[in-house]
Amino acid sequence: MASTTYYVALPFAPGPDGPVPGEPIECQSALSAKATARALSHTSKYVGAIAFQRTGEMKVNTVAPRSSSGMAMRLKTCPRFSPV
């Protein structure tokens, strides 16, 4: 079975109880996802964004998240994101 990696930029909009996830944006590469998240985090519409990747088997349609340490590293690229 072939596995596929998806690169995603996920913006967060302001909500009444804190940041609310927006619509995920699929990107062509990790670099593209980071750049998209960085750009989104600096717009007035969003309070922050993260970039992450997920890998899964196409046939079974299951996806496994990347380690949390990789995601935390990506959070640092978006200085406007402040976890609650």
Protein backbone atom coordinates (compact mmCIF):
# COMPACT_ATOMS: atom_id res chain seq x y z
CA MET A 1 0.00 0.00 0.00
CA ALA A 2 1.24 3.45 -0.85
CA SER A 3 1.16 6.12 1.80
CA THR A 4 0.41 9.74 1.03
CA THR A 5 1.58 12.81 2.91
CA TYR A 6 -0.68 15.83 3.15
CA TYR A 7 0.73 19.26 4.03
CA VAL A 8 -1.78 21.57 5.66
CA ALA A 9 -1.97 25.17 6.86
CA LEU A 10 -4.71 25.68 9.46
CA PRO A 11 -5.72 29.25 10.37
CA PHE A 12 -7.41 30.25 13.63
CA ALA A 13 -10.03 33.02 13.77
CA PRO A 14 -11.01 34.91 16.92
CA GLY A 15 -13.96 33.36 18.72
CA PRO A 16 -15.97 34.23 21.83
CA ASP A 17 -14.05 31.70 23.95
CA GLY A 18 -10.67 31.88 22.21
CA PRO A 19 -9.24 30.89 18.82
CA VAL A 20 -11.51 28.87 16.51
CA PRO A 21 -10.04 26.67 13.74
CA GLY A 22 -10.75 27.90 10.22
CA GLU A 23 -10.85 26.00 6.93
CA PRO A 24 -7.69 23.88 6.42
CA ILE A 25 -5.66 24.65 3.31
CA GLU A 26 -3.87 21.76 1.59
CA CYS A 27 -0.40 22.72 0.33
CA GLN A 28 2.09 21.13 -2.08
CA SER A 29 5.03 20.89 0.37
CA ALA A 30 6.08 21.45 3.97
CA LEU A 31 7.74 24.73 2.98
CA SER A 32 4.57 25.90 1.24
CA ALA A 33 2.45 24.98 4.29
CA LYS A 34 4.78 26.93 6.60
CA ALA A 35 4.75 29.98 4.31
CA THR A 36 0.95 29.86 3.99
CA ALA A 37 0.49 29.55 7.77
CA ARG A 38 2.90 32.42 8.37
CA ALA A 39 1.05 34.63 5.87
CA LEU A 40 -2.36 33.74 7.34
CA SER A 41 -1.18 34.48 10.86
CA HIS A 42 -0.35 38.06 9.86
CA THR A 43 -3.75 38.94 8.39
CA SER A 44 -6.42 40.78 10.36
CA LYS A 45 -8.94 37.98 9.75
CA TYR A 46 -6.97 35.40 11.80
CA VAL A 47 -5.28 35.41 15.20
CA GLY A 48 -2.78 32.71 14.20
CA ALA A 49 -2.12 29.59 12.15
CA ILE A 50 -0.20 26.33 12.25
CA ALA A 51 1.35 24.16 9.56
CA PHE A 52 1.44 20.39 9.88
CA GLN A 53 1.70 17.24 7.86
CA ARG A 54 -0.24 13.98 7.99
CA THR A 55 0.66 10.68 6.40
CA GLY A 56 -1.78 7.89 5.68
CA GLU A 57 -2.51 4.86 3.55
CA MET A 58 -4.57 5.74 0.48
CA LYS A 59 -6.30 2.35 0.25
CA VAL A 60 -7.54 2.27 3.85
CA ASN A 61 -8.06 6.03 4.09
CA THR A 62 -6.49 6.25 7.53
CA VAL A 63 -4.26 9.10 8.60
CA ALA A 64 -1.71 9.23 11.40
CA PRO A 65 -0.74 12.60 12.91
CA ARG A 66 2.88 13.64 13.06
CA SER A 67 4.54 13.76 16.47
CA SER A 68 3.54 16.61 18.74
CA SER A 69 7.15 17.83 18.91
CA GLY A 70 7.06 18.50 15.15
CA MET A 71 3.83 20.45 15.49
CA ALA A 72 5.16 22.52 18.40
CA MET A 73 8.17 23.44 16.29
CA ARG A 74 5.85 24.73 13.58
CA LEU A 75 3.90 26.84 16.07
CA LYS A 76 7.05 28.89 16.60
CA THR A 77 6.93 30.00 12.94
CA CYS A 78 3.62 31.80 13.60
CA PRO A 79 4.32 34.37 16.31
CA ARG A 80 0.71 35.58 16.53
CA PHE A 81 -0.58 32.18 17.72
CA SER A 82 -1.01 32.06 21.48
CA PRO A 83 -2.42 28.81 22.90
CA VAL A 84 -4.92 29.14 25.72
